[in-house]
Amino acid sequence: MNETETLILKVIRDFVAQHGYAPTHAEIGARANVSVHTVAQYIARLEIRGFIEKGPRGHRNIKLLKREQEAA
């Protein structure tokens, strides 16, 4: 994993731990200091690599998978 992937995954993990639900792409971007477009690209990468799963629709549709713990 590269540095940005690791950061975005950490932002998601920390947000879920604090709030109990997934962040929006805008919330991830604000915390990681990247654009929403960049967040979308990295979310797609993380999903392909098996770290997260996206639901079919909605803004808070990111689910952390067990493999996510390997990145910690």
PDB file of N, CA and C in Angstrom:
ATOM      1  N   MET A   1       0.841  -1.192   0.000  1.00  0.00           N
ATOM      2  CA  MET A   1       0.000   0.000   0.000  1.00  0.00           C
ATOM      3  C   MET A   1       0.877   1.243   0.000  1.00  0.00           C
ATOM      4  N   ASN A   2       0.449   2.241  -0.770  1.00  0.00           N
ATOM      5  CA  ASN A   2       1.213   3.475  -0.747  1.00  0.00           C
ATOM      6  C   ASN A   2       0.737   4.375   0.400  1.00  0.00           C
ATOM      7  N   GLU A   3       1.407   5.483   0.557  1.00  0.00           N
ATOM      8  CA  GLU A   3       1.145   6.372   1.696  1.00  0.00           C
ATOM      9  C   GLU A   3      -0.286   6.927   1.689  1.00  0.00           C
ATOM     10  N   THR A   4      -0.779   7.305   0.525  1.00  0.00           N
ATOM     11  CA  THR A   4      -2.127   7.868   0.446  1.00  0.00           C
ATOM     12  C   THR A   4      -3.185   6.812   0.725  1.00  0.00           C
ATOM     13  N   GLU A   5      -2.998   5.600   0.218  1.00  0.00           N
ATOM     14  CA  GLU A   5      -3.935   4.513   0.516  1.00  0.00           C
ATOM     15  C   GLU A   5      -3.991   4.253   2.016  1.00  0.00           C
ATOM     16  N   THR A   6      -2.830   4.213   2.631  1.00  0.00           N
ATOM     17  CA  THR A   6      -2.753   3.981   4.073  1.00  0.00           C
ATOM     18  C   THR A   6      -3.458   5.099   4.837  1.00  0.00           C
ATOM     19  N   LEU A   7      -3.237   6.338   4.419  1.00  0.00           N
ATOM     20  CA  LEU A   7      -3.863   7.480   5.082  1.00  0.00           C
ATOM     21  C   LEU A   7      -5.385   7.428   4.945  1.00  0.00           C
ATOM     22  N   ILE A   8      -5.878   7.169   3.753  1.00  0.00           N
ATOM     23  CA  ILE A   8      -7.324   7.128   3.533  1.00  0.00           C
ATOM     24  C   ILE A   8      -7.956   5.996   4.330  1.00  0.00           C
ATOM     25  N   LEU A   9      -7.309   4.854   4.365  1.00  0.00           N
ATOM     26  CA  LEU A   9      -7.826   3.736   5.152  1.00  0.00           C
ATOM     27  C   LEU A   9      -7.853   4.090   6.639  1.00  0.00           C
ATOM     28  N   LYS A  10      -6.821   4.780   7.108  1.00  0.00           N
ATOM     29  CA  LYS A  10      -6.773   5.206   8.516  1.00  0.00           C
ATOM     30  C   LYS A  10      -7.889   6.212   8.810  1.00  0.00           C
ATOM     31  N   VAL A  11      -8.106   7.140   7.907  1.00  0.00           N
ATOM     32  CA  VAL A  11      -9.178   8.124   8.085  1.00  0.00           C
ATOM     33  C   VAL A  11     -10.527   7.418   8.209  1.00  0.00           C
ATOM     34  N   ILE A  12     -10.766   6.445   7.329  1.00  0.00           N
ATOM     35  CA  ILE A  12     -12.030   5.699   7.378  1.00  0.00           C
ATOM     36  C   ILE A  12     -12.153   4.949   8.698  1.00  0.00           C
ATOM     37  N   ARG A  13     -11.101   4.231   9.070  1.00  0.00           N
ATOM     38  CA  ARG A  13     -11.112   3.438  10.305  1.00  0.00           C
ATOM     39  C   ARG A  13     -11.359   4.335  11.525  1.00  0.00           C
ATOM     40  N   ASP A  14     -10.642   5.451  11.606  1.00  0.00           N
ATOM     41  CA  ASP A  14     -10.787   6.358  12.747  1.00  0.00           C
ATOM     42  C   ASP A  14     -12.181   6.994  12.792  1.00  0.00           C
ATOM     43  N   PHE A  15     -12.704   7.371  11.627  1.00  0.00           N
ATOM     44  CA  PHE A  15     -14.031   7.982  11.569  1.00  0.00           C
ATOM     45  C   PHE A  15     -15.095   7.001  12.036  1.00  0.00           C
ATOM     46  N   VAL A  16     -15.018   5.767  11.551  1.00  0.00           N
ATOM     47  CA  VAL A  16     -15.992   4.742  11.956  1.00  0.00           C
ATOM     48  C   VAL A  16     -15.894   4.489  13.460  1.00  0.00           C
ATOM     49  N   ALA A  17     -14.680   4.431  13.985  1.00  0.00           N
ATOM     50  CA  ALA A  17     -14.497   4.199  15.417  1.00  0.00           C
ATOM     51  C   ALA A  17     -15.109   5.337  16.241  1.00  0.00           C
ATOM     52  N   GLN A  18     -14.983   6.556  15.749  1.00  0.00           N
ATOM     53  CA  GLN A  18     -15.482   7.714  16.485  1.00  0.00           C
ATOM     54  C   GLN A  18     -16.990   7.908  16.341  1.00  0.00           C
ATOM     55  N   HIS A  19     -17.522   7.695  15.144  1.00  0.00           N
ATOM     56  CA  HIS A  19     -18.921   8.034  14.869  1.00  0.00           C
ATOM     57  C   HIS A  19     -19.854   6.833  14.749  1.00  0.00           C
ATOM     58  N   GLY A  20     -19.301   5.665  14.484  1.00  0.00           N
ATOM     59  CA  GLY A  20     -20.138   4.477  14.349  1.00  0.00           C
ATOM     60  C   GLY A  20     -20.716   4.267  12.961  1.00  0.00           C
ATOM     61  N   TYR A  21     -20.336   5.091  12.019  1.00  0.00           N
ATOM     62  CA  TYR A  21     -20.773   4.950  10.628  1.00  0.00           C
ATOM     63  C   TYR A  21     -19.665   5.473   9.715  1.00  0.00           C
ATOM     64  N   ALA A  22     -19.755   5.146   8.439  1.00  0.00           N
ATOM     65  CA  ALA A  22     -18.700   5.490   7.485  1.00  0.00           C
ATOM     66  C   ALA A  22     -18.740   6.969   7.099  1.00  0.00           C
ATOM     67  N   PRO A  23     -17.588   7.535   6.781  1.00  0.00           N
ATOM     68  CA  PRO A  23     -17.537   8.921   6.318  1.00  0.00           C
ATOM     69  C   PRO A  23     -17.937   9.029   4.847  1.00  0.00           C
ATOM     70  N   THR A  24     -18.337  10.221   4.442  1.00  0.00           N
ATOM     71  CA  THR A  24     -18.566  10.493   3.022  1.00  0.00           C
ATOM     72  C   THR A  24     -17.213  10.733   2.357  1.00  0.00           C
ATOM     73  N   HIS A  25     -17.210  10.735   1.033  1.00  0.00           N
ATOM     74  CA  HIS A  25     -15.964  11.028   0.313  1.00  0.00           C
ATOM     75  C   HIS A  25     -15.462  12.426   0.665  1.00  0.00           C
ATOM     76  N   ALA A  26     -16.372  13.375   0.826  1.00  0.00           N
ATOM     77  CA  ALA A  26     -15.984  14.740   1.183  1.00  0.00           C
ATOM     78  C   ALA A  26     -15.326  14.783   2.563  1.00  0.00           C
ATOM     79  N   GLU A  27     -15.863  14.035   3.506  1.00  0.00           N
ATOM     80  CA  GLU A  27     -15.275  13.998   4.854  1.00  0.00           C
ATOM     81  C   GLU A  27     -13.896  13.346   4.824  1.00  0.00           C
ATOM     82  N   ILE A  28     -13.749  12.300   4.040  1.00  0.00           N
ATOM     83  CA  ILE A  28     -12.434  11.656   3.902  1.00  0.00           C
ATOM     84  C   ILE A  28     -11.449  12.636   3.285  1.00  0.00           C
ATOM     85  N   GLY A  29     -11.866  13.303   2.214  1.00  0.00           N
ATOM     86  CA  GLY A  29     -10.995  14.257   1.533  1.00  0.00           C
ATOM     87  C   GLY A  29     -10.549  15.391   2.437  1.00  0.00           C
ATOM     88  N   ALA A  30     -11.471  15.906   3.241  1.00  0.00           N
ATOM     89  CA  ALA A  30     -11.134  16.998   4.159  1.00  0.00           C
ATOM     90  C   ALA A  30     -10.096  16.559   5.184  1.00  0.00           C
ATOM     91  N   ARG A  31     -10.229  15.350   5.690  1.00  0.00           N
ATOM     92  CA  ARG A  31      -9.295  14.858   6.709  1.00  0.00           C
ATOM     93  C   ARG A  31      -7.951  14.428   6.117  1.00  0.00           C
ATOM     94  N   ALA A  32      -7.968  13.954   4.867  1.00  0.00           N
ATOM     95  CA  ALA A  32      -6.732  13.494   4.225  1.00  0.00           C
ATOM     96  C   ALA A  32      -6.091  14.582   3.363  1.00  0.00           C
ATOM     97  N   ASN A  33      -6.765  15.731   3.258  1.00  0.00           N
ATOM     98  CA  ASN A  33      -6.283  16.857   2.465  1.00  0.00           C
ATOM     99  C   ASN A  33      -6.101  16.487   0.991  1.00  0.00           C
ATOM    100  N   VAL A  34      -7.085  15.786   0.442  1.00  0.00           N
ATOM    101  CA  VAL A  34      -7.099  15.435  -0.979  1.00  0.00           C
ATOM    102  C   VAL A  34      -8.494  15.731  -1.529  1.00  0.00           C
ATOM    103  N   SER A  35      -8.608  15.787  -2.851  1.00  0.00           N
ATOM    104  CA  SER A  35      -9.898  16.084  -3.476  1.00  0.00           C
ATOM    105  C   SER A  35     -10.847  14.892  -3.386  1.00  0.00           C
ATOM    106  N   VAL A  36     -12.123  15.171  -3.559  1.00  0.00           N
ATOM    107  CA  VAL A  36     -13.133  14.115  -3.561  1.00  0.00           C
ATOM    108  C   VAL A  36     -12.859  13.144  -4.711  1.00  0.00           C
ATOM    109  N   HIS A  37     -12.411  13.664  -5.841  1.00  0.00           N
ATOM    110  CA  HIS A  37     -12.070  12.810  -6.983  1.00  0.00           C
ATOM    111  C   HIS A  37     -10.946  11.839  -6.610  1.00  0.00           C
ATOM    112  N   THR A  38      -9.931  12.342  -5.936  1.00  0.00           N
ATOM    113  CA  THR A  38      -8.823  11.487  -5.500  1.00  0.00           C
ATOM    114  C   THR A  38      -9.316  10.438  -4.515  1.00  0.00           C
ATOM    115  N   VAL A  39     -10.181  10.830  -3.600  1.00  0.00           N
ATOM    116  CA  VAL A  39     -10.759   9.875  -2.649  1.00  0.00           C
ATOM    117  C   VAL A  39     -11.462   8.756  -3.408  1.00  0.00           C
ATOM    118  N   ALA A  40     -12.269   9.105  -4.397  1.00  0.00           N
ATOM    119  CA  ALA A  40     -13.003   8.097  -5.170  1.00  0.00           C
ATOM    120  C   ALA A  40     -12.049   7.114  -5.839  1.00  0.00           C
ATOM    121  N   GLN A  41     -10.948   7.613  -6.377  1.00  0.00           N
ATOM    122  CA  GLN A  41      -9.959   6.737  -7.010  1.00  0.00           C
ATOM    123  C   GLN A  41      -9.350   5.772  -5.995  1.00  0.00           C
ATOM    124  N   TYR A  42      -8.996   6.274  -4.846  1.00  0.00           N
ATOM    125  CA  TYR A  42      -8.374   5.422  -3.832  1.00  0.00           C
ATOM    126  C   TYR A  42      -9.374   4.462  -3.197  1.00  0.00           C
ATOM    127  N   ILE A  43     -10.610   4.887  -3.051  1.00  0.00           N
ATOM    128  CA  ILE A  43     -11.650   3.984  -2.544  1.00  0.00           C
ATOM    129  C   ILE A  43     -11.787   2.796  -3.496  1.00  0.00           C
ATOM    130  N   ALA A  44     -11.794   3.074  -4.791  1.00  0.00           N
ATOM    131  CA  ALA A  44     -11.888   1.995  -5.788  1.00  0.00           C
ATOM    132  C   ALA A  44     -10.698   1.048  -5.673  1.00  0.00           C
ATOM    133  N   ARG A  45      -9.504   1.593  -5.501  1.00  0.00           N
ATOM    134  CA  ARG A  45      -8.300   0.758  -5.334  1.00  0.00           C
ATOM    135  C   ARG A  45      -8.393  -0.113  -4.089  1.00  0.00           C
ATOM    136  N   LEU A  46      -8.810   0.488  -2.987  1.00  0.00           N
ATOM    137  CA  LEU A  46      -8.909  -0.258  -1.729  1.00  0.00           C
ATOM    138  C   LEU A  46      -9.961  -1.356  -1.816  1.00  0.00           C
ATOM    139  N   GLU A  47     -11.023  -1.091  -2.556  1.00  0.00           N
ATOM    140  CA  GLU A  47     -12.054  -2.116  -2.728  1.00  0.00           C
ATOM    141  C   GLU A  47     -11.521  -3.279  -3.571  1.00  0.00           C
ATOM    142  N   ILE A  48     -10.833  -2.975  -4.649  1.00  0.00           N
ATOM    143  CA  ILE A  48     -10.247  -4.017  -5.500  1.00  0.00           C
ATOM    144  C   ILE A  48      -9.267  -4.875  -4.708  1.00  0.00           C
ATOM    145  N   ARG A  49      -8.512  -4.251  -3.828  1.00  0.00           N
ATOM    146  CA  ARG A  49      -7.499  -4.964  -3.043  1.00  0.00           C
ATOM    147  C   ARG A  49      -8.080  -5.682  -1.827  1.00  0.00           C
ATOM    148  N   GLY A  50      -9.385  -5.541  -1.595  1.00  0.00           N
ATOM    149  CA  GLY A  50     -10.044  -6.289  -0.536  1.00  0.00           C
ATOM    150  C   GLY A  50      -9.992  -5.678   0.850  1.00  0.00           C
ATOM    151  N   PHE A  51      -9.667  -4.394   0.950  1.00  0.00           N
ATOM    152  CA  PHE A  51      -9.611  -3.748   2.259  1.00  0.00           C
ATOM    153  C   PHE A  51     -10.958  -3.183   2.693  1.00  0.00           C
ATOM    154  N   ILE A  52     -11.765  -2.793   1.710  1.00  0.00           N
ATOM    155  CA  ILE A  52     -13.082  -2.243   2.004  1.00  0.00           C
ATOM    156  C   ILE A  52     -14.092  -2.822   1.025  1.00  0.00           C
ATOM    157  N   GLU A  53     -15.358  -2.572   1.331  1.00  0.00           N
ATOM    158  CA  GLU A  53     -16.443  -2.959   0.434  1.00  0.00           C
ATOM    159  C   GLU A  53     -17.410  -1.788   0.379  1.00  0.00           C
ATOM    160  N   LYS A  54     -17.866  -1.455  -0.822  1.00  0.00           N
ATOM    161  CA  LYS A  54     -18.839  -0.379  -0.981  1.00  0.00           C
ATOM    162  C   LYS A  54     -20.214  -0.961  -1.196  1.00  0.00           C
ATOM    163  N   GLY A  55     -21.193  -0.355  -0.556  1.00  0.00           N
ATOM    164  CA  GLY A  55     -22.572  -0.754  -0.773  1.00  0.00           C
ATOM    165  C   GLY A  55     -23.060  -0.259  -2.126  1.00  0.00           C
ATOM    166  N   PRO A  56     -24.264  -0.639  -2.509  1.00  0.00           N
ATOM    167  CA  PRO A  56     -24.767  -0.304  -3.838  1.00  0.00           C
ATOM    168  C   PRO A  56     -25.060   1.181  -4.050  1.00  0.00           C
ATOM    169  N   ARG A  57     -25.370   1.905  -2.998  1.00  0.00           N
ATOM    170  CA  ARG A  57     -25.671   3.329  -3.151  1.00  0.00           C
ATOM    171  C   ARG A  57     -25.576   4.022  -1.802  1.00  0.00           C
ATOM    172  N   GLY A  58     -25.682   5.326  -1.833  1.00  0.00           N
ATOM    173  CA  GLY A  58     -25.627   6.099  -0.601  1.00  0.00           C
ATOM    174  C   GLY A  58     -24.251   6.699  -0.375  1.00  0.00           C
ATOM    175  N   HIS A  59     -24.204   7.689   0.485  1.00  0.00           N
ATOM    176  CA  HIS A  59     -22.958   8.405   0.743  1.00  0.00           C
ATOM    177  C   HIS A  59     -22.104   7.743   1.818  1.00  0.00           C
ATOM    178  N   ARG A  60     -22.702   6.990   2.678  1.00  0.00           N
ATOM    179  CA  ARG A  60     -21.968   6.368   3.785  1.00  0.00           C
ATOM    180  C   ARG A  60     -22.016   4.850   3.619  1.00  0.00           C
ATOM    181  N   ASN A  61     -21.508   4.400   2.492  1.00  0.00           N
ATOM    182  CA  ASN A  61     -21.663   2.994   2.126  1.00  0.00           C
ATOM    183  C   ASN A  61     -20.363   2.202   2.154  1.00  0.00           C
ATOM    184  N   ILE A  62     -19.370   2.663   2.888  1.00  0.00           N
ATOM    185  CA  ILE A  62     -18.081   1.976   2.957  1.00  0.00           C
ATOM    186  C   ILE A  62     -18.066   1.054   4.173  1.00  0.00           C
ATOM    187  N   LYS A  63     -17.673  -0.174   3.942  1.00  0.00           N
ATOM    188  CA  LYS A  63     -17.570  -1.154   5.022  1.00  0.00           C
ATOM    189  C   LYS A  63     -16.128  -1.655   5.083  1.00  0.00           C
ATOM    190  N   LEU A  64     -15.533  -1.600   6.267  1.00  0.00           N
ATOM    191  CA  LEU A  64     -14.186  -2.134   6.451  1.00  0.00           C
ATOM    192  C   LEU A  64     -14.254  -3.655   6.493  1.00  0.00           C
ATOM    193  N   LEU A  65     -13.323  -4.298   5.820  1.00  0.00           N
ATOM    194  CA  LEU A  65     -13.273  -5.754   5.810  1.00  0.00           C
ATOM    195  C   LEU A  65     -12.161  -6.241   6.717  1.00  0.00           C
ATOM    196  N   LYS A  66     -12.161  -7.509   7.045  1.00  0.00           N
ATOM    197  CA  LYS A  66     -11.152  -8.061   7.951  1.00  0.00           C
ATOM    198  C   LYS A  66      -9.744  -7.835   7.434  1.00  0.00           C
ATOM    199  N   ARG A  67      -9.569  -7.874   6.121  1.00  0.00           N
ATOM    200  CA  ARG A  67      -8.235  -7.682   5.558  1.00  0.00           C
ATOM    201  C   ARG A  67      -7.679  -6.312   5.929  1.00  0.00           C
ATOM    202  N   GLU A  68      -8.557  -5.368   6.222  1.00  0.00           N
ATOM    203  CA  GLU A  68      -8.141  -4.020   6.610  1.00  0.00           C
ATOM    204  C   GLU A  68      -7.175  -4.068   7.777  1.00  0.00           C
ATOM    205  N   GLN A  69      -7.321  -5.043   8.656  1.00  0.00           N
ATOM    206  CA  GLN A  69      -6.450  -5.158   9.823  1.00  0.00           C
ATOM    207  C   GLN A  69      -5.005  -5.443   9.420  1.00  0.00           C
ATOM    208  N   GLU A  70      -4.783  -6.039   8.244  1.00  0.00           N
ATOM    209  CA  GLU A  70      -3.427  -6.306   7.771  1.00  0.00           C
ATOM    210  C   GLU A  70      -2.663  -5.014   7.521  1.00  0.00           C
ATOM    211  N   ALA A  71      -3.381  -3.949   7.180  1.00  0.00           N
ATOM    212  CA  ALA A  71      -2.743  -2.680   6.859  1.00  0.00           C
ATOM    213  C   ALA A  71      -2.385  -1.885   8.100  1.00  0.00           C
ATOM    214  N   ALA A  72      -2.947  -2.237   9.230  1.00  0.00           N
ATOM    215  CA  ALA A  72      -2.734  -1.475  10.467  1.00  0.00           C
ATOM    216  C   ALA A  72      -1.328  -1.656  10.999  1.00  0.00           C
TER     217      ALA A  72
END
